[in-house]
């Protein structure tokens, strides 16, 4: 009889019961998910059943984690995603959200670039916690990512990006995500990539301030190298700050655009 155990196909004898299988496969498991439901009864298993054995707070093996990602994404998608390296310029509201979304889908490698530290004022929209206050954003974000997916390869650079170092820092990535708050810095990296880095694609964002409807935030392919996210209207100004909902919407548009580029769907 064939069933799926932690998303891997296994052959087991007819008449095998759930708790007996638990004792054979993972005796210390304290949560059993049977065909999508948490159960405690010693049910008799049937062909094509799906069972997940979980020990609370235990880190899964890399092969188990990958099997579960494959089951959600399909094998073809996951194989493509894990081969890519994405560079993220700026780890604030946009960059921290983009990084975590890409880590959750199993991106192969992230290059995290920021010169700043975590401040309490960042916590209204950025993916950090009070315990990270005073830490370099690169180190703090690596810590958060490792809590989501410890098998993503991470490289960090604590530097201020300018027109003199952008090419060298991002020379080995496949896709660049622009995630700055500062309009001047946004223009510098976009222009540098478009003018000097002919083999790179960049995903930028503009216009996600305030608490306007999220439906005006859209993804646009400007040309074959440049993608722009946002409503392109609502910039930060007095009385119109950056808030978690619209910033996260824009960031996940960026992450989704990266995914679509990887899959050839852009």
C-alpha atoms as a PDB file:
ATOM      1  CA  UNK A   1       0.000   0.000   0.000  1.00  0.00           C
ATOM      2  CA  UNK A   2       1.353   3.454  -0.950  1.00  0.00           C
ATOM      3  CA  UNK A   3       0.980   6.481   1.325  1.00  0.00           C
ATOM      4  CA  UNK A   4       2.737   9.822   1.751  1.00  0.00           C
ATOM      5  CA  UNK A   5       4.690  10.325   4.986  1.00  0.00           C
ATOM      6  CA  UNK A   6       5.987  13.881   5.440  1.00  0.00           C
ATOM      7  CA  UNK A   7       5.307  14.287   1.696  1.00  0.00           C
ATOM      8  CA  UNK A   8       7.475  11.324   0.676  1.00  0.00           C
ATOM      9  CA  UNK A   9       5.980   8.216  -0.916  1.00  0.00           C
ATOM     10  CA  UNK A  10       6.336   5.092   1.235  1.00  0.00           C
ATOM     11  CA  UNK A  11       5.112   1.537   0.807  1.00  0.00           C
ATOM     12  CA  UNK A  12       3.596   0.052   3.952  1.00  0.00           C
ATOM     13  CA  UNK A  13       1.666  -3.166   4.695  1.00  0.00           C
ATOM     14  CA  UNK A  14      -2.113  -3.288   4.331  1.00  0.00           C
ATOM     15  CA  UNK A  15      -3.889  -2.776   7.648  1.00  0.00           C
ATOM     16  CA  UNK A  16      -1.188  -0.561   9.189  1.00  0.00           C
ATOM     17  CA  UNK A  17      -2.568   1.808  11.801  1.00  0.00           C
ATOM     18  CA  UNK A  18      -1.642   5.439  12.291  1.00  0.00           C
ATOM     19  CA  UNK A  19      -0.158   5.342  15.809  1.00  0.00           C
ATOM     20  CA  UNK A  20       1.736   2.151  15.030  1.00  0.00           C
ATOM     21  CA  UNK A  21       3.250   3.882  12.015  1.00  0.00           C
ATOM     22  CA  UNK A  22       4.114   6.884  14.198  1.00  0.00           C
ATOM     23  CA  UNK A  23       5.990   4.598  16.578  1.00  0.00           C
ATOM     24  CA  UNK A  24       7.967   3.151  13.660  1.00  0.00           C
ATOM     25  CA  UNK A  25       8.727   6.393  11.832  1.00  0.00           C
ATOM     26  CA  UNK A  26       8.954   9.151  14.476  1.00  0.00           C
ATOM     27  CA  UNK A  27       8.113   7.925  17.960  1.00  0.00           C
ATOM     28  CA  UNK A  28       8.625  11.340  19.581  1.00  0.00           C
ATOM     29  CA  UNK A  29       6.114  13.083  17.274  1.00  0.00           C
ATOM     30  CA  UNK A  30       3.527  14.948  19.337  1.00  0.00           C
ATOM     31  CA  UNK A  31       1.397  16.188  16.421  1.00  0.00           C
ATOM     32  CA  UNK A  32      -0.049  13.929  13.714  1.00  0.00           C
ATOM     33  CA  UNK A  33      -1.640  15.483  10.625  1.00  0.00           C
ATOM     34  CA  UNK A  34      -3.781  12.958   8.758  1.00  0.00           C
ATOM     35  CA  UNK A  35      -5.089  14.064   5.338  1.00  0.00           C
ATOM     36  CA  UNK A  36      -4.948  17.682   6.466  1.00  0.00           C
ATOM     37  CA  UNK A  37      -6.447  17.236   9.942  1.00  0.00           C
ATOM     38  CA  UNK A  38      -4.811  16.874  13.353  1.00  0.00           C
ATOM     39  CA  UNK A  39      -5.851  13.515  14.805  1.00  0.00           C
ATOM     40  CA  UNK A  40      -5.105  11.404  17.882  1.00  0.00           C
ATOM     41  CA  UNK A  41      -6.975   8.184  17.055  1.00  0.00           C
ATOM     42  CA  UNK A  42      -5.253   5.004  15.887  1.00  0.00           C
ATOM     43  CA  UNK A  43      -6.901   5.024  12.452  1.00  0.00           C
ATOM     44  CA  UNK A  44      -6.353   2.325   9.855  1.00  0.00           C
ATOM     45  CA  UNK A  45      -4.464   3.778   6.914  1.00  0.00           C
ATOM     46  CA  UNK A  46      -5.669   3.596   3.316  1.00  0.00           C
ATOM     47  CA  UNK A  47      -3.915   3.829  -0.028  1.00  0.00           C
ATOM     48  CA  UNK A  48      -2.812   7.391  -0.919  1.00  0.00           C
ATOM     49  CA  UNK A  49      -3.339   8.746   2.599  1.00  0.00           C
ATOM     50  CA  UNK A  50      -1.126  11.675   3.583  1.00  0.00           C
ATOM     51  CA  UNK A  51       0.446  11.733   7.011  1.00  0.00           C
ATOM     52  CA  UNK A  52       2.769  14.289   8.597  1.00  0.00           C
ATOM     53  CA  UNK A  53       4.525  13.547  11.884  1.00  0.00           C
ATOM     54  CA  UNK A  54       5.697  16.646  13.754  1.00  0.00           C
ATOM     55  CA  UNK A  55       7.758  17.119  16.881  1.00  0.00           C
ATOM     56  CA  UNK A  56       6.967  20.602  18.191  1.00  0.00           C
ATOM     57  CA  UNK A  57       9.858  23.091  17.921  1.00  0.00           C
ATOM     58  CA  UNK A  58      12.096  20.559  16.179  1.00  0.00           C
ATOM     59  CA  UNK A  59      13.967  21.748  13.108  1.00  0.00           C
ATOM     60  CA  UNK A  60      13.086  19.547  10.108  1.00  0.00           C
ATOM     61  CA  UNK A  61      15.805  17.890   8.088  1.00  0.00           C
ATOM     62  CA  UNK A  62      16.663  19.732   4.877  1.00  0.00           C
ATOM     63  CA  UNK A  63      15.353  16.860   2.738  1.00  0.00           C
ATOM     64  CA  UNK A  64      12.045  16.905   4.644  1.00  0.00           C
ATOM     65  CA  UNK A  65      11.739  20.678   4.285  1.00  0.00           C
ATOM     66  CA  UNK A  66      12.422  20.447   0.564  1.00  0.00           C
ATOM     67  CA  UNK A  67       9.902  17.638   0.127  1.00  0.00           C
ATOM     68  CA  UNK A  68       7.234  19.801   1.748  1.00  0.00           C
ATOM     69  CA  UNK A  69       8.116  22.796  -0.445  1.00  0.00           C
ATOM     70  CA  UNK A  70       7.949  20.586  -3.539  1.00  0.00           C
ATOM     71  CA  UNK A  71       4.521  19.347  -2.494  1.00  0.00           C
ATOM     72  CA  UNK A  72       3.266  22.940  -2.366  1.00  0.00           C
ATOM     73  CA  UNK A  73       5.066  24.352  -5.407  1.00  0.00           C
ATOM     74  CA  UNK A  74       5.315  21.292  -7.697  1.00  0.00           C
ATOM     75  CA  UNK A  75       8.777  19.848  -8.498  1.00  0.00           C
ATOM     76  CA  UNK A  76       9.396  21.925 -11.636  1.00  0.00           C
ATOM     77  CA  UNK A  77       8.760  25.223  -9.852  1.00  0.00           C
ATOM     78  CA  UNK A  78      10.909  24.371  -6.857  1.00  0.00           C
ATOM     79  CA  UNK A  79      13.833  23.180  -8.975  1.00  0.00           C
ATOM     80  CA  UNK A  80      13.902  26.532 -10.779  1.00  0.00           C
ATOM     81  CA  UNK A  81      13.456  28.692  -7.679  1.00  0.00           C
ATOM     82  CA  UNK A  82      16.286  27.093  -5.724  1.00  0.00           C
ATOM     83  CA  UNK A  83      18.789  27.809  -8.512  1.00  0.00           C
ATOM     84  CA  UNK A  84      18.396  31.590  -8.357  1.00  0.00           C
ATOM     85  CA  UNK A  85      20.255  34.276  -6.429  1.00  0.00           C
ATOM     86  CA  UNK A  86      18.393  37.487  -5.613  1.00  0.00           C
ATOM     87  CA  UNK A  87      20.069  40.655  -4.338  1.00  0.00           C
ATOM     88  CA  UNK A  88      18.031  42.966  -2.131  1.00  0.00           C
ATOM     89  CA  UNK A  89      19.117  46.599  -1.910  1.00  0.00           C
ATOM     90  CA  UNK A  90      17.734  47.974   1.348  1.00  0.00           C
ATOM     91  CA  UNK A  91      16.236  45.940   4.175  1.00  0.00           C
ATOM     92  CA  UNK A  92      13.458  48.206   5.405  1.00  0.00           C
ATOM     93  CA  UNK A  93       9.724  47.773   4.920  1.00  0.00           C
ATOM     94  CA  UNK A  94      10.049  46.590   1.345  1.00  0.00           C
ATOM     95  CA  UNK A  95      13.297  44.644   1.533  1.00  0.00           C
ATOM     96  CA  UNK A  96      12.616  42.755   4.751  1.00  0.00           C
ATOM     97  CA  UNK A  97       9.203  41.637   3.500  1.00  0.00           C
ATOM     98  CA  UNK A  98      10.542  40.651   0.077  1.00  0.00           C
ATOM     99  CA  UNK A  99      13.366  38.647   1.637  1.00  0.00           C
ATOM    100  CA  UNK A 100      11.072  36.657   3.892  1.00  0.00           C
ATOM    101  CA  UNK A 101       8.610  35.869   1.106  1.00  0.00           C
ATOM    102  CA  UNK A 102      11.437  34.662  -1.131  1.00  0.00           C
ATOM    103  CA  UNK A 103      12.907  32.603   1.697  1.00  0.00           C
ATOM    104  CA  UNK A 104       9.543  30.963   2.321  1.00  0.00           C
ATOM    105  CA  UNK A 105       9.306  29.831  -1.302  1.00  0.00           C
ATOM    106  CA  UNK A 106      12.793  28.314  -1.106  1.00  0.00           C
ATOM    107  CA  UNK A 107      14.911  30.758  -3.116  1.00  0.00           C
ATOM    108  CA  UNK A 108      18.444  29.431  -3.512  1.00  0.00           C
ATOM    109  CA  UNK A 109      20.399  32.430  -2.250  1.00  0.00           C
ATOM    110  CA  UNK A 110      19.751  35.930  -0.939  1.00  0.00           C
ATOM    111  CA  UNK A 111      22.281  38.755  -0.949  1.00  0.00           C
ATOM    112  CA  UNK A 112      21.165  41.167   1.788  1.00  0.00           C
ATOM    113  CA  UNK A 113      22.581  44.695   1.530  1.00  0.00           C
ATOM    114  CA  UNK A 114      22.018  47.530   4.024  1.00  0.00           C
ATOM    115  CA  UNK A 115      24.224  49.786   6.170  1.00  0.00           C
ATOM    116  CA  UNK A 116      21.609  50.580   8.836  1.00  0.00           C
ATOM    117  CA  UNK A 117      20.600  49.195  12.242  1.00  0.00           C
ATOM    118  CA  UNK A 118      17.151  48.276  13.529  1.00  0.00           C
ATOM    119  CA  UNK A 119      15.399  51.113  15.369  1.00  0.00           C
ATOM    120  CA  UNK A 120      12.073  50.990  17.263  1.00  0.00           C
ATOM    121  CA  UNK A 121      10.533  53.251  14.612  1.00  0.00           C
ATOM    122  CA  UNK A 122      11.131  50.482  12.036  1.00  0.00           C
ATOM    123  CA  UNK A 123       8.798  48.052  13.785  1.00  0.00           C
ATOM    124  CA  UNK A 124       5.611  49.596  12.350  1.00  0.00           C
ATOM    125  CA  UNK A 125       6.268  47.979   8.952  1.00  0.00           C
ATOM    126  CA  UNK A 126       9.553  46.068   8.875  1.00  0.00           C
ATOM    127  CA  UNK A 127       9.990  42.374   9.658  1.00  0.00           C
ATOM    128  CA  UNK A 128      11.981  42.844  12.852  1.00  0.00           C
ATOM    129  CA  UNK A 129      11.207  42.475  16.534  1.00  0.00           C
ATOM    130  CA  UNK A 130      12.046  44.469  19.649  1.00  0.00           C
ATOM    131  CA  UNK A 131      14.873  42.063  20.436  1.00  0.00           C
ATOM    132  CA  UNK A 132      16.593  43.176  17.214  1.00  0.00           C
ATOM    133  CA  UNK A 133      16.867  46.842  18.246  1.00  0.00           C
ATOM    134  CA  UNK A 134      20.418  48.072  17.673  1.00  0.00           C
ATOM    135  CA  UNK A 135      21.414  45.097  15.513  1.00  0.00           C
ATOM    136  CA  UNK A 136      22.610  45.507  11.945  1.00  0.00           C
ATOM    137  CA  UNK A 137      19.602  44.928   9.714  1.00  0.00           C
ATOM    138  CA  UNK A 138      21.557  42.336   7.755  1.00  0.00           C
ATOM    139  CA  UNK A 139      22.166  40.266  10.897  1.00  0.00           C
ATOM    140  CA  UNK A 140      18.652  40.733  12.250  1.00  0.00           C
ATOM    141  CA  UNK A 141      17.017  39.744   8.969  1.00  0.00           C
ATOM    142  CA  UNK A 142      19.246  36.698   8.644  1.00  0.00           C
ATOM    143  CA  UNK A 143      18.023  35.619  12.080  1.00  0.00           C
ATOM    144  CA  UNK A 144      14.362  36.019  11.076  1.00  0.00           C
ATOM    145  CA  UNK A 145      14.900  34.181   7.783  1.00  0.00           C
ATOM    146  CA  UNK A 146      16.598  31.282   9.549  1.00  0.00           C
ATOM    147  CA  UNK A 147      13.495  30.942  11.725  1.00  0.00           C
ATOM    148  CA  UNK A 148      11.411  30.568   8.528  1.00  0.00           C
ATOM    149  CA  UNK A 149      13.723  28.542   6.315  1.00  0.00           C
ATOM    150  CA  UNK A 150      17.176  27.715   7.695  1.00  0.00           C
ATOM    151  CA  UNK A 151      18.319  26.209   4.383  1.00  0.00           C
ATOM    152  CA  UNK A 152      18.394  29.417   2.325  1.00  0.00           C
ATOM    153  CA  UNK A 153      21.961  30.487   1.518  1.00  0.00           C
ATOM    154  CA  UNK A 154      22.489  34.031   2.810  1.00  0.00           C
ATOM    155  CA  UNK A 155      25.251  36.513   2.063  1.00  0.00           C
ATOM    156  CA  UNK A 156      25.336  39.884   3.850  1.00  0.00           C
ATOM    157  CA  UNK A 157      26.989  43.199   3.074  1.00  0.00           C
ATOM    158  CA  UNK A 158      26.844  46.069   5.580  1.00  0.00           C
ATOM    159  CA  UNK A 159      27.524  48.904   3.160  1.00  0.00           C
ATOM    160  CA  UNK A 160      25.939  52.094   1.859  1.00  0.00           C
ATOM    161  CA  UNK A 161      25.116  51.593  -1.801  1.00  0.00           C
ATOM    162  CA  UNK A 162      26.149  54.276  -4.279  1.00  0.00           C
ATOM    163  CA  UNK A 163      26.946  54.518  -7.967  1.00  0.00           C
ATOM    164  CA  UNK A 164      30.549  53.443  -7.293  1.00  0.00           C
ATOM    165  CA  UNK A 165      29.859  50.054  -5.676  1.00  0.00           C
ATOM    166  CA  UNK A 166      26.506  48.820  -7.025  1.00  0.00           C
ATOM    167  CA  UNK A 167      27.998  46.963  -9.996  1.00  0.00           C
ATOM    168  CA  UNK A 168      30.562  45.103  -7.939  1.00  0.00           C
ATOM    169  CA  UNK A 169      28.214  44.191  -5.085  1.00  0.00           C
ATOM    170  CA  UNK A 170      25.472  42.771  -7.301  1.00  0.00           C
ATOM    171  CA  UNK A 171      27.657  41.281 -10.042  1.00  0.00           C
ATOM    172  CA  UNK A 172      26.858  37.672  -9.116  1.00  0.00           C
ATOM    173  CA  UNK A 173      23.085  37.874  -8.571  1.00  0.00           C
ATOM    174  CA  UNK A 174      20.415  36.986 -11.109  1.00  0.00           C
ATOM    175  CA  UNK A 175      17.782  39.562 -10.109  1.00  0.00           C
ATOM    176  CA  UNK A 176      18.049  42.796  -8.089  1.00  0.00           C
ATOM    177  CA  UNK A 177      15.256  44.108  -5.855  1.00  0.00           C
ATOM    178  CA  UNK A 178      15.364  47.853  -5.199  1.00  0.00           C
ATOM    179  CA  UNK A 179      13.880  48.444  -1.753  1.00  0.00           C
ATOM    180  CA  UNK A 180      14.934  51.937  -0.649  1.00  0.00           C
ATOM    181  CA  UNK A 181      12.846  54.604   1.064  1.00  0.00           C
ATOM    182  CA  UNK A 182      14.950  57.395  -0.409  1.00  0.00           C
ATOM    183  CA  UNK A 183      13.929  58.527  -3.941  1.00  0.00           C
ATOM    184  CA  UNK A 184      17.485  59.575  -4.828  1.00  0.00           C
ATOM    185  CA  UNK A 185      18.889  56.165  -3.883  1.00  0.00           C
ATOM    186  CA  UNK A 186      16.115  54.503  -5.890  1.00  0.00           C
ATOM    187  CA  UNK A 187      17.058  56.484  -8.987  1.00  0.00           C
ATOM    188  CA  UNK A 188      20.772  55.779  -8.577  1.00  0.00           C
ATOM    189  CA  UNK A 189      20.445  51.995  -8.436  1.00  0.00           C
ATOM    190  CA  UNK A 190      17.823  51.766 -11.184  1.00  0.00           C
ATOM    191  CA  UNK A 191      19.858  53.962 -13.537  1.00  0.00           C
ATOM    192  CA  UNK A 192      23.068  52.076 -12.747  1.00  0.00           C
ATOM    193  CA  UNK A 193      21.478  48.711 -13.493  1.00  0.00           C
ATOM    194  CA  UNK A 194      19.791  49.889 -16.700  1.00  0.00           C
ATOM    195  CA  UNK A 195      22.858  51.689 -18.040  1.00  0.00           C
ATOM    196  CA  UNK A 196      25.757  49.513 -16.878  1.00  0.00           C
ATOM    197  CA  UNK A 197      24.490  46.025 -15.935  1.00  0.00           C
ATOM    198  CA  UNK A 198      23.007  44.741 -19.154  1.00  0.00           C
ATOM    199  CA  UNK A 199      22.601  41.144 -17.907  1.00  0.00           C
ATOM    200  CA  UNK A 200      20.597  42.064 -14.773  1.00  0.00           C
ATOM    201  CA  UNK A 201      16.905  42.614 -14.165  1.00  0.00           C
ATOM    202  CA  UNK A 202      15.691  44.975 -11.467  1.00  0.00           C
ATOM    203  CA  UNK A 203      12.372  45.069  -9.618  1.00  0.00           C
ATOM    204  CA  UNK A 204      11.694  48.489  -8.118  1.00  0.00           C
ATOM    205  CA  UNK A 205       8.833  50.122  -6.179  1.00  0.00           C
ATOM    206  CA  UNK A 206       7.319  53.589  -6.011  1.00  0.00           C
ATOM    207  CA  UNK A 207       4.123  54.764  -4.356  1.00  0.00           C
ATOM    208  CA  UNK A 208       2.932  52.744  -1.375  1.00  0.00           C
ATOM    209  CA  UNK A 209       2.565  55.353   1.349  1.00  0.00           C
ATOM    210  CA  UNK A 210      -0.529  56.018   3.442  1.00  0.00           C
ATOM    211  CA  UNK A 211      -3.658  53.947   3.970  1.00  0.00           C
ATOM    212  CA  UNK A 212      -5.289  54.267   0.571  1.00  0.00           C
ATOM    213  CA  UNK A 213      -6.824  51.254  -1.110  1.00  0.00           C
ATOM    214  CA  UNK A 214      -4.372  48.484  -1.823  1.00  0.00           C
ATOM    215  CA  UNK A 215      -6.038  47.889  -5.185  1.00  0.00           C
ATOM    216  CA  UNK A 216      -4.100  50.761  -6.778  1.00  0.00           C
ATOM    217  CA  UNK A 217      -0.762  49.024  -6.158  1.00  0.00           C
ATOM    218  CA  UNK A 218       0.092  47.201  -9.369  1.00  0.00           C
ATOM    219  CA  UNK A 219       3.033  45.485 -11.059  1.00  0.00           C
ATOM    220  CA  UNK A 220       4.217  46.879 -14.381  1.00  0.00           C
ATOM    221  CA  UNK A 221       6.881  45.636 -16.782  1.00  0.00           C
ATOM    222  CA  UNK A 222       8.510  48.848 -18.008  1.00  0.00           C
ATOM    223  CA  UNK A 223      10.928  47.042 -20.340  1.00  0.00           C
ATOM    224  CA  UNK A 224      12.684  43.688 -20.533  1.00  0.00           C
ATOM    225  CA  UNK A 225      15.002  44.605 -17.618  1.00  0.00           C
ATOM    226  CA  UNK A 226      12.917  46.908 -15.436  1.00  0.00           C
ATOM    227  CA  UNK A 227       9.771  46.166 -13.413  1.00  0.00           C
ATOM    228  CA  UNK A 228       8.003  48.819 -11.313  1.00  0.00           C
ATOM    229  CA  UNK A 229       5.615  48.171  -8.424  1.00  0.00           C
ATOM    230  CA  UNK A 230       3.291  50.618  -6.651  1.00  0.00           C
ATOM    231  CA  UNK A 231       0.657  53.228  -7.428  1.00  0.00           C
ATOM    232  CA  UNK A 232       3.418  55.679  -8.486  1.00  0.00           C
ATOM    233  CA  UNK A 233       1.473  58.505  -6.821  1.00  0.00           C
ATOM    234  CA  UNK A 234       1.405  58.228  -3.047  1.00  0.00           C
ATOM    235  CA  UNK A 235       4.924  58.986  -1.871  1.00  0.00           C
ATOM    236  CA  UNK A 236       5.933  59.693   1.729  1.00  0.00           C
ATOM    237  CA  UNK A 237       5.187  63.249   2.909  1.00  0.00           C
ATOM    238  CA  UNK A 238       3.963  64.952   6.096  1.00  0.00           C
ATOM    239  CA  UNK A 239       0.701  63.330   7.164  1.00  0.00           C
ATOM    240  CA  UNK A 240       1.220  60.416   4.780  1.00  0.00           C
ATOM    241  CA  UNK A 241       3.714  57.968   6.203  1.00  0.00           C
ATOM    242  CA  UNK A 242       4.710  54.409   5.455  1.00  0.00           C
ATOM    243  CA  UNK A 243       2.423  51.847   7.088  1.00  0.00           C
ATOM    244  CA  UNK A 244       2.626  48.075   7.216  1.00  0.00           C
ATOM    245  CA  UNK A 245      -0.378  47.085   5.026  1.00  0.00           C
ATOM    246  CA  UNK A 246       0.415  48.962   1.810  1.00  0.00           C
ATOM    247  CA  UNK A 247       4.167  48.511   2.191  1.00  0.00           C
ATOM    248  CA  UNK A 248       3.706  44.742   2.580  1.00  0.00           C
ATOM    249  CA  UNK A 249       1.352  44.647  -0.420  1.00  0.00           C
ATOM    250  CA  UNK A 250       3.985  46.367  -2.573  1.00  0.00           C
ATOM    251  CA  UNK A 251       6.774  44.168  -1.227  1.00  0.00           C
ATOM    252  CA  UNK A 252       4.889  41.007  -2.045  1.00  0.00           C
ATOM    253  CA  UNK A 253       4.152  42.326  -5.529  1.00  0.00           C
ATOM    254  CA  UNK A 254       7.926  42.623  -5.828  1.00  0.00           C
ATOM    255  CA  UNK A 255       8.510  39.094  -4.525  1.00  0.00           C
ATOM    256  CA  UNK A 256       5.845  37.734  -6.859  1.00  0.00           C
ATOM    257  CA  UNK A 257       7.409  39.579  -9.795  1.00  0.00           C
ATOM    258  CA  UNK A 258      10.761  37.959  -8.954  1.00  0.00           C
ATOM    259  CA  UNK A 259       9.043  34.568  -8.935  1.00  0.00           C
ATOM    260  CA  UNK A 260       7.370  35.248 -12.288  1.00  0.00           C
ATOM    261  CA  UNK A 261      10.702  36.271 -13.803  1.00  0.00           C
ATOM    262  CA  UNK A 262      12.269  33.038 -12.575  1.00  0.00           C
ATOM    263  CA  UNK A 263       9.437  31.018 -14.070  1.00  0.00           C
ATOM    264  CA  UNK A 264       9.416  32.913 -17.355  1.00  0.00           C
ATOM    265  CA  UNK A 265       5.925  34.319 -16.740  1.00  0.00           C
ATOM    266  CA  UNK A 266       6.773  38.009 -16.580  1.00  0.00           C
END
